C-alpha atoms as a PDB file:
ATOM      1  CA  UNK A   1      -0.091   0.097  -0.029  1.00  0.00           C
ATOM      2  CA  UNK A   2       2.782   2.376   0.838  1.00  0.00           C
ATOM      3  CA  UNK A   3       4.684   1.385  -2.350  1.00  0.00           C
ATOM      4  CA  UNK A   4       1.630   2.151  -4.578  1.00  0.00           C
ATOM      5  CA  UNK A   5       1.235   5.539  -2.819  1.00  0.00           C
ATOM      6  CA  UNK A   6       4.826   6.389  -3.435  1.00  0.00           C
ATOM      7  CA  UNK A   7       4.477   5.549  -7.033  1.00  0.00           C
ATOM      8  CA  UNK A   8       1.437   7.680  -7.569  1.00  0.00           C
ATOM      9  CA  UNK A   9       3.323  10.582  -5.918  1.00  0.00           C
ATOM     10  CA  UNK A  10       6.428  10.111  -8.197  1.00  0.00           C
ATOM     11  CA  UNK A  11       4.055   9.958 -11.286  1.00  0.00           C
ATOM     12  CA  UNK A  12       2.212  13.289 -10.231  1.00  0.00           C
ATOM     13  CA  UNK A  13       5.521  15.043  -9.760  1.00  0.00           C
ATOM     14  CA  UNK A  14       6.732  14.034 -13.141  1.00  0.00           C
ATOM     15  CA  UNK A  15       3.431  15.311 -14.678  1.00  0.00           C
ATOM     16  CA  UNK A  16       3.735  18.629 -12.937  1.00  0.00           C
ATOM     17  CA  UNK A  17       7.425  19.092 -13.889  1.00  0.00           C
ATOM     18  CA  UNK A  18       7.123  18.512 -17.616  1.00  0.00           C
ATOM     19  CA  UNK A  19       5.365  22.039 -18.338  1.00  0.00           C
ATOM     20  CA  UNK A  20       7.874  23.682 -16.015  1.00  0.00           C
ATOM     21  CA  UNK A  21      10.749  22.230 -18.128  1.00  0.00           C
ATOM     22  CA  UNK A  22       9.214  23.261 -21.305  1.00  0.00           C
ATOM     23  CA  UNK A  23       8.946  26.855 -20.179  1.00  0.00           C
ATOM     24  CA  UNK A  24      12.516  26.925 -18.804  1.00  0.00           C
ATOM     25  CA  UNK A  25      13.689  25.553 -22.359  1.00  0.00           C
ATOM     26  CA  UNK A  26      11.786  28.353 -24.181  1.00  0.00           C
ATOM     27  CA  UNK A  27      13.554  30.927 -22.077  1.00  0.00           C
ATOM     28  CA  UNK A  28      16.919  29.291 -22.487  1.00  0.00           C
ATOM     29  CA  UNK A  29      19.613  31.759 -23.755  1.00  0.00           C
ATOM     30  CA  UNK A  30      20.388  29.387 -26.608  1.00  0.00           C
ATOM     31  CA  UNK A  31      17.277  30.623 -28.513  1.00  0.00           C
ATOM     32  CA  UNK A  32      17.681  31.502 -32.204  1.00  0.00           C
ATOM     33  CA  UNK A  33      16.966  35.266 -31.385  1.00  0.00           C
ATOM     34  CA  UNK A  34      18.664  36.484 -28.194  1.00  0.00           C
ATOM     35  CA  UNK A  35      19.909  39.450 -26.394  1.00  0.00           C
ATOM     36  CA  UNK A  36      23.873  40.139 -26.919  1.00  0.00           C
ATOM     37  CA  UNK A  37      25.551  42.629 -24.873  1.00  0.00           C
ATOM     38  CA  UNK A  38      24.496  45.066 -22.154  1.00  0.00           C
ATOM     39  CA  UNK A  39      21.452  47.364 -22.182  1.00  0.00           C
ATOM     40  CA  UNK A  40      22.472  50.991 -22.860  1.00  0.00           C
ATOM     41  CA  UNK A  41      20.449  54.149 -22.393  1.00  0.00           C
ATOM     42  CA  UNK A  42      20.459  57.773 -24.165  1.00  0.00           C
ATOM     43  CA  UNK A  43      19.111  60.964 -22.280  1.00  0.00           C
ATOM     44  CA  UNK A  44      16.151  60.341 -19.972  1.00  0.00           C
ATOM     45  CA  UNK A  45      14.321  63.083 -18.036  1.00  0.00           C
ATOM     46  CA  UNK A  46      11.523  62.665 -15.642  1.00  0.00           C
ATOM     47  CA  UNK A  47       9.189  64.763 -17.977  1.00  0.00           C
ATOM     48  CA  UNK A  48       9.626  63.558 -21.486  1.00  0.00           C
ATOM     49  CA  UNK A  49      11.482  60.343 -20.759  1.00  0.00           C
ATOM     50  CA  UNK A  50      14.009  58.941 -23.107  1.00  0.00           C
ATOM     51  CA  UNK A  51      15.301  55.847 -24.953  1.00  0.00           C
ATOM     52  CA  UNK A  52      17.182  52.637 -24.071  1.00  0.00           C
ATOM     53  CA  UNK A  53      18.889  50.550 -26.548  1.00  0.00           C
ATOM     54  CA  UNK A  54      18.771  46.556 -26.710  1.00  0.00           C
ATOM     55  CA  UNK A  55      21.188  44.709 -28.957  1.00  0.00           C
ATOM     56  CA  UNK A  56      20.097  41.383 -30.519  1.00  0.00           C
ATOM     57  CA  UNK A  57      21.721  38.542 -32.568  1.00  0.00           C
ATOM     58  CA  UNK A  58      19.851  36.319 -34.823  1.00  0.00           C
ATOM     59  CA  UNK A  59      20.639  32.746 -36.189  1.00  0.00           C
ATOM     60  CA  UNK A  60      17.369  32.487 -38.052  1.00  0.00           C
ATOM     61  CA  UNK A  61      17.171  32.455 -41.858  1.00  0.00           C
ATOM     62  CA  UNK A  62      14.267  34.930 -41.846  1.00  0.00           C
ATOM     63  CA  UNK A  63      13.450  38.153 -40.046  1.00  0.00           C
ATOM     64  CA  UNK A  64      12.009  37.878 -36.655  1.00  0.00           C
ATOM     65  CA  UNK A  65       9.458  40.024 -34.832  1.00  0.00           C
ATOM     66  CA  UNK A  66      10.528  40.741 -31.139  1.00  0.00           C
ATOM     67  CA  UNK A  67       8.281  42.415 -28.583  1.00  0.00           C
ATOM     68  CA  UNK A  68      10.405  44.156 -25.846  1.00  0.00           C
ATOM     69  CA  UNK A  69       8.712  45.418 -22.643  1.00  0.00           C
ATOM     70  CA  UNK A  70      10.537  47.296 -19.939  1.00  0.00           C
ATOM     71  CA  UNK A  71       9.214  47.290 -16.389  1.00  0.00           C
ATOM     72  CA  UNK A  72      10.367  47.617 -12.739  1.00  0.00           C
ATOM     73  CA  UNK A  73      12.038  44.340 -11.421  1.00  0.00           C
ATOM     74  CA  UNK A  74       8.644  42.682 -10.158  1.00  0.00           C
ATOM     75  CA  UNK A  75       6.920  43.689 -13.445  1.00  0.00           C
ATOM     76  CA  UNK A  76       4.356  45.567 -11.551  1.00  0.00           C
ATOM     77  CA  UNK A  77       4.911  48.847 -13.505  1.00  0.00           C
ATOM     78  CA  UNK A  78       5.592  49.244 -17.126  1.00  0.00           C
ATOM     79  CA  UNK A  79       7.860  52.012 -18.409  1.00  0.00           C
ATOM     80  CA  UNK A  80       7.766  51.350 -21.953  1.00  0.00           C
ATOM     81  CA  UNK A  81       7.335  48.823 -24.896  1.00  0.00           C
ATOM     82  CA  UNK A  82       8.135  48.257 -28.628  1.00  0.00           C
ATOM     83  CA  UNK A  83       7.911  45.819 -31.292  1.00  0.00           C
ATOM     84  CA  UNK A  84      11.028  45.481 -33.581  1.00  0.00           C
ATOM     85  CA  UNK A  85      12.043  43.244 -36.332  1.00  0.00           C
ATOM     86  CA  UNK A  86      15.365  41.764 -36.175  1.00  0.00           C
ATOM     87  CA  UNK A  87      17.043  40.893 -39.487  1.00  0.00           C
ATOM     88  CA  UNK A  88      17.954  37.339 -40.403  1.00  0.00           C
ATOM     89  CA  UNK A  89      21.436  36.089 -39.602  1.00  0.00           C
ATOM     90  CA  UNK A  90      22.006  39.439 -37.716  1.00  0.00           C
ATOM     91  CA  UNK A  91      25.359  39.439 -35.425  1.00  0.00           C
ATOM     92  CA  UNK A  92      24.514  42.978 -34.017  1.00  0.00           C
ATOM     93  CA  UNK A  93      21.141  44.843 -34.341  1.00  0.00           C
ATOM     94  CA  UNK A  94      20.329  47.522 -31.929  1.00  0.00           C
ATOM     95  CA  UNK A  95      16.758  48.245 -31.139  1.00  0.00           C
ATOM     96  CA  UNK A  96      15.354  51.328 -29.335  1.00  0.00           C
ATOM     97  CA  UNK A  97      12.658  51.716 -26.817  1.00  0.00           C
ATOM     98  CA  UNK A  98      11.146  54.827 -25.377  1.00  0.00           C
ATOM     99  CA  UNK A  99      10.743  54.663 -21.651  1.00  0.00           C
ATOM    100  CA  UNK A 100       9.447  57.187 -19.097  1.00  0.00           C
ATOM    101  CA  UNK A 101       9.685  56.617 -15.480  1.00  0.00           C
ATOM    102  CA  UNK A 102       8.037  59.880 -14.388  1.00  0.00           C
ATOM    103  CA  UNK A 103      10.535  60.515 -11.592  1.00  0.00           C
ATOM    104  CA  UNK A 104      14.258  61.218 -11.199  1.00  0.00           C
ATOM    105  CA  UNK A 105      16.827  59.095  -9.814  1.00  0.00           C
ATOM    106  CA  UNK A 106      18.484  55.622 -10.536  1.00  0.00           C
ATOM    107  CA  UNK A 107      16.130  52.770 -11.667  1.00  0.00           C
ATOM    108  CA  UNK A 108      16.520  49.039 -11.932  1.00  0.00           C
ATOM    109  CA  UNK A 109      14.553  47.845 -15.050  1.00  0.00           C
ATOM    110  CA  UNK A 110      13.636  44.511 -16.221  1.00  0.00           C
ATOM    111  CA  UNK A 111      13.758  43.917 -20.145  1.00  0.00           C
ATOM    112  CA  UNK A 112      11.675  41.219 -21.493  1.00  0.00           C
ATOM    113  CA  UNK A 113      12.208  40.141 -25.085  1.00  0.00           C
ATOM    114  CA  UNK A 114       9.319  37.918 -26.590  1.00  0.00           C
ATOM    115  CA  UNK A 115       9.657  36.230 -30.030  1.00  0.00           C
ATOM    116  CA  UNK A 116       8.562  32.898 -31.896  1.00  0.00           C
ATOM    117  CA  UNK A 117      11.907  31.416 -30.847  1.00  0.00           C
ATOM    118  CA  UNK A 118      11.256  32.060 -27.053  1.00  0.00           C
ATOM    119  CA  UNK A 119      11.216  34.642 -24.265  1.00  0.00           C
ATOM    120  CA  UNK A 120      14.575  35.976 -22.855  1.00  0.00           C
ATOM    121  CA  UNK A 121      14.911  38.607 -20.009  1.00  0.00           C
ATOM    122  CA  UNK A 122      17.660  40.907 -18.900  1.00  0.00           C
ATOM    123  CA  UNK A 123      18.224  43.602 -16.180  1.00  0.00           C
ATOM    124  CA  UNK A 124      19.755  47.109 -16.385  1.00  0.00           C
ATOM    125  CA  UNK A 125      20.350  50.257 -14.298  1.00  0.00           C
ATOM    126  CA  UNK A 126      19.280  53.495 -15.876  1.00  0.00           C
ATOM    127  CA  UNK A 127      19.640  57.245 -14.583  1.00  0.00           C
ATOM    128  CA  UNK A 128      16.750  59.627 -15.098  1.00  0.00           C
ATOM    129  CA  UNK A 129      17.601  63.375 -14.711  1.00  0.00           C
ATOM    130  CA  UNK A 130      15.298  66.149 -13.789  1.00  0.00           C
ATOM    131  CA  UNK A 131      13.570  68.114 -16.628  1.00  0.00           C
ATOM    132  CA  UNK A 132      14.098  71.771 -17.113  1.00  0.00           C
ATOM    133  CA  UNK A 133      10.431  72.335 -17.434  1.00  0.00           C
ATOM    134  CA  UNK A 134       9.734  70.666 -13.914  1.00  0.00           C
ATOM    135  CA  UNK A 135      11.522  73.389 -12.076  1.00  0.00           C
ATOM    136  CA  UNK A 136       9.300  76.490 -11.103  1.00  0.00           C
ATOM    137  CA  UNK A 137      12.453  78.835 -11.586  1.00  0.00           C
ATOM    138  CA  UNK A 138      12.232  78.287 -15.242  1.00  0.00           C
ATOM    139  CA  UNK A 139       8.618  79.442 -15.321  1.00  0.00           C
ATOM    140  CA  UNK A 140       9.399  82.487 -13.210  1.00  0.00           C
ATOM    141  CA  UNK A 141      12.492  83.441 -15.372  1.00  0.00           C
ATOM    142  CA  UNK A 142      10.161  83.206 -18.611  1.00  0.00           C
ATOM    143  CA  UNK A 143       7.401  85.411 -16.891  1.00  0.00           C
ATOM    144  CA  UNK A 144      10.022  88.114 -15.876  1.00  0.00           C
ATOM    145  CA  UNK A 145      11.377  88.080 -19.429  1.00  0.00           C
ATOM    146  CA  UNK A 146       7.900  88.654 -20.920  1.00  0.00           C
ATOM    147  CA  UNK A 147       7.137  91.288 -18.386  1.00  0.00           C
ATOM    148  CA  UNK A 148      10.373  93.232 -19.227  1.00  0.00           C
ATOM    149  CA  UNK A 149       9.769  92.980 -23.069  1.00  0.00           C
ATOM    150  CA  UNK A 150       6.207  94.420 -22.602  1.00  0.00           C
ATOM    151  CA  UNK A 151       7.406  97.344 -20.380  1.00  0.00           C
ATOM    152  CA  UNK A 152      10.153  98.082 -23.185  1.00  0.00           C
ATOM    153  CA  UNK A 153       7.580  98.102 -25.849  1.00  0.00           C
ATOM    154  CA  UNK A 154       5.395 100.494 -23.918  1.00  0.00           C
ATOM    155  CA  UNK A 155       8.095 102.892 -23.198  1.00  0.00           C
ATOM    156  CA  UNK A 156       9.313 102.748 -26.703  1.00  0.00           C
ATOM    157  CA  UNK A 157       5.741 103.652 -28.078  1.00  0.00           C
ATOM    158  CA  UNK A 158       5.466 106.406 -25.564  1.00  0.00           C
ATOM    159  CA  UNK A 159       8.821 108.000 -26.531  1.00  0.00           C
ATOM    160  CA  UNK A 160       8.617 107.491 -30.299  1.00  0.00           C
ATOM    161  CA  UNK A 161       7.458 110.629 -32.294  1.00  0.00           C
ATOM    162  CA  UNK A 162       3.637 110.517 -33.445  1.00  0.00           C
ATOM    163  CA  UNK A 163       3.344 110.199 -37.203  1.00  0.00           C
ATOM    164  CA  UNK A 164       0.296 111.361 -38.836  1.00  0.00           C
ATOM    165  CA  UNK A 165      -1.954 108.932 -40.721  1.00  0.00           C
ATOM    166  CA  UNK A 166      -1.405 108.793 -44.485  1.00  0.00           C
ATOM    167  CA  UNK A 167      -3.826 110.902 -46.451  1.00  0.00           C
ATOM    168  CA  UNK A 168      -6.687 108.825 -47.963  1.00  0.00           C
ATOM    169  CA  UNK A 169      -7.473 108.431 -51.710  1.00  0.00           C
ATOM    170  CA  UNK A 170     -10.563 110.468 -51.120  1.00  0.00           C
ATOM    171  CA  UNK A 171      -8.839 113.332 -49.578  1.00  0.00           C
ATOM    172  CA  UNK A 172      -6.285 113.278 -52.437  1.00  0.00           C
ATOM    173  CA  UNK A 173      -9.003 113.357 -54.959  1.00  0.00           C
ATOM    174  CA  UNK A 174     -10.833 116.242 -53.150  1.00  0.00           C
ATOM    175  CA  UNK A 175      -7.613 118.299 -53.163  1.00  0.00           C
ATOM    176  CA  UNK A 176      -7.285 117.881 -56.793  1.00  0.00           C
ATOM    177  CA  UNK A 177     -10.689 118.968 -57.475  1.00  0.00           C
ATOM    178  CA  UNK A 178     -10.084 122.340 -55.607  1.00  0.00           C
ATOM    179  CA  UNK A 179      -6.931 122.927 -57.370  1.00  0.00           C
ATOM    180  CA  UNK A 180      -8.623 122.483 -60.831  1.00  0.00           C
ATOM    181  CA  UNK A 181     -11.586 124.720 -59.856  1.00  0.00           C
ATOM    182  CA  UNK A 182      -9.334 127.651 -58.630  1.00  0.00           C
ATOM    183  CA  UNK A 183      -7.609 127.778 -62.108  1.00  0.00           C
ATOM    184  CA  UNK A 184      -9.180 130.255 -64.814  1.00  0.00           C
ATOM    185  CA  UNK A 185     -10.616 128.428 -67.868  1.00  0.00           C
ATOM    186  CA  UNK A 186      -8.820 129.249 -70.839  1.00  0.00           C
ATOM    187  CA  UNK A 187     -10.480 128.932 -74.301  1.00  0.00           C
ATOM    188  CA  UNK A 188      -8.083 127.409 -77.030  1.00  0.00           C
ATOM    189  CA  UNK A 189      -6.810 130.003 -79.611  1.00  0.00           C
ATOM    190  CA  UNK A 190      -8.935 130.145 -82.692  1.00  0.00           C
ATOM    191  CA  UNK A 191      -7.462 128.890 -85.861  1.00  0.00           C
ATOM    192  CA  UNK A 192      -6.433 131.447 -88.510  1.00  0.00           C
ATOM    193  CA  UNK A 193      -8.871 131.859 -91.151  1.00  0.00           C
ATOM    194  CA  UNK A 194      -8.314 130.763 -94.798  1.00  0.00           C
ATOM    195  CA  UNK A 195      -8.122 134.432 -95.959  1.00  0.00           C
ATOM    196  CA  UNK A 196      -5.515 135.136 -93.473  1.00  0.00           C
ATOM    197  CA  UNK A 197      -3.587 132.311 -94.423  1.00  0.00           C
ATOM    198  CA  UNK A 198      -3.605 133.258 -98.236  1.00  0.00           C
ATOM    199  CA  UNK A 199      -2.486 136.805 -97.323  1.00  0.00           C
ATOM    200  CA  UNK A 200       0.363 135.715 -95.216  1.00  0.00           C
ATOM    201  CA  UNK A 201       1.524 133.280 -97.829  1.00  0.00           C
ATOM    202  CA  UNK A 202       1.563 135.947-100.693  1.00  0.00           C
ATOM    203  CA  UNK A 203       3.211 138.430 -98.528  1.00  0.00           C
ATOM    204  CA  UNK A 204       6.914 138.770 -99.231  1.00  0.00           C
ATOM    205  CA  UNK A 205       8.995 137.350 -96.347  1.00  0.00           C
ATOM    206  CA  UNK A 206      11.724 140.257 -96.709  1.00  0.00           C
ATOM    207  CA  UNK A 207       9.295 143.175 -96.601  1.00  0.00           C
ATOM    208  CA  UNK A 208       9.753 145.261 -93.529  1.00  0.00           C
ATOM    209  CA  UNK A 209       7.220 147.732 -92.291  1.00  0.00           C
ATOM    210  CA  UNK A 210       8.219 151.447 -92.747  1.00  0.00           C
ATOM    211  CA  UNK A 211       8.471 153.257 -89.473  1.00  0.00           C
ATOM    212  CA  UNK A 212       7.598 156.826 -89.414  1.00  0.00           C
ATOM    213  CA  UNK A 213      10.237 159.367 -88.893  1.00  0.00           C
ATOM    214  CA  UNK A 214      10.353 161.006 -85.415  1.00  0.00           C
ATOM    215  CA  UNK A 215      10.928 164.700 -85.222  1.00  0.00           C
ATOM    216  CA  UNK A 216      14.196 165.664 -84.447  1.00  0.00           C
ATOM    217  CA  UNK A 217      14.834 167.059 -80.926  1.00  0.00           C
ATOM    218  CA  UNK A 218      16.853 170.133 -80.365  1.00  0.00           C
ATOM    219  CA  UNK A 219      20.259 169.551 -79.362  1.00  0.00           C
ATOM    220  CA  UNK A 220      21.313 173.069 -78.103  1.00  0.00           C
ATOM    221  CA  UNK A 221      20.047 176.546 -77.089  1.00  0.00           C
ATOM    222  CA  UNK A 222      19.929 177.947 -80.453  1.00  0.00           C
ATOM    223  CA  UNK A 223      17.960 175.019 -82.073  1.00  0.00           C
ATOM    224  CA  UNK A 224      15.593 175.306 -79.138  1.00  0.00           C
ATOM    225  CA  UNK A 225      14.836 178.999 -79.650  1.00  0.00           C
ATOM    226  CA  UNK A 226      14.309 178.384 -83.576  1.00  0.00           C
ATOM    227  CA  UNK A 227      12.008 175.590 -82.857  1.00  0.00           C
ATOM    228  CA  UNK A 228       9.793 177.862 -80.549  1.00  0.00           C
ATOM    229  CA  UNK A 229       9.878 180.445 -83.124  1.00  0.00           C
ATOM    230  CA  UNK A 230       8.673 178.231 -85.842  1.00  0.00           C
ATOM    231  CA  UNK A 231       5.801 177.139 -83.506  1.00  0.00           C
ATOM    232  CA  UNK A 232       4.931 180.702 -82.792  1.00  0.00           C
ATOM    233  CA  UNK A 233       4.744 181.617 -86.524  1.00  0.00           C
ATOM    234  CA  UNK A 234       2.749 178.567 -87.409  1.00  0.00           C
ATOM    235  CA  UNK A 235       0.098 179.510 -84.686  1.00  0.00           C
ATOM    236  CA  UNK A 236       0.042 183.103 -85.917  1.00  0.00           C
ATOM    237  CA  UNK A 237      -0.947 182.004 -89.373  1.00  0.00           C
ATOM    238  CA  UNK A 238      -4.062 180.244 -88.242  1.00  0.00           C
ATOM    239  CA  UNK A 239      -7.161 182.535 -88.588  1.00  0.00           C
ATOM    240  CA  UNK A 240      -8.757 183.628 -85.485  1.00  0.00           C
ATOM    241  CA  UNK A 241     -12.287 182.265 -84.882  1.00  0.00           C
ATOM    242  CA  UNK A 242     -15.198 184.799 -84.949  1.00  0.00           C
ATOM    243  CA  UNK A 243     -17.018 185.125 -81.736  1.00  0.00           C
ATOM    244  CA  UNK A 244     -20.715 185.329 -81.883  1.00  0.00           C
ATOM    245  CA  UNK A 245     -22.361 188.142 -80.105  1.00  0.00           C
ATOM    246  CA  UNK A 246     -25.987 188.176 -79.453  1.00  0.00           C
ATOM    247  CA  UNK A 247     -28.011 191.279 -80.621  1.00  0.00           C
ATOM    248  CA  UNK A 248     -30.639 190.923 -77.969  1.00  0.00           C
ATOM    249  CA  UNK A 249     -30.780 193.466 -75.397  1.00  0.00           C
ATOM    250  CA  UNK A 250     -30.816 192.749 -71.836  1.00  0.00           C
END
């Protein structure tokens, strides 16, 4: 009876160990696609996160898809994940995964890689720095700069000379109308008549108008006296006008 019980217990243990052995074999480092080298990191901050790099090697004759998941050591919190394609027969393929811890400091991470050839895990230590935008001093500095710029613009606008607004098109047209109305209207000169044109055409070009001779002016005293005497004699020769006297008595 005791022997039978012992046999039953052994068989039960063997049945229970078969799945565990299969899982252990699938996670063995001798898989066709496996992690080669250490996990490295780029710049990671607490606000925007950053990138870590996982290097793979593959013995497969075809490309293999690998899902990478980054968590804390007990896998209770996920920091990031990505699905990458590892080329066939690749000795060193670097895949990138974006991670964000949401806090600053050093973090131990667990990197789990799942593919058709099995599952493989590795651990790494990453350092997360503080983001510039997480510091209140940054926002205070920006606010001060904006205030100073506004004050400078206000002072400049007050000190700048005032410029009159440009004259509008309507005002320009109105001024033109006033200037036109103030000018006297001029009639165009009449064209010369046909008779005048014929006369001007028949007139000799070299003919000059004869000027009337001006009387000679006295040059000395003797000539002046002679001129006066001749004027006196001329006036004496004129007959005197008869004066009419009325015969009526007063």
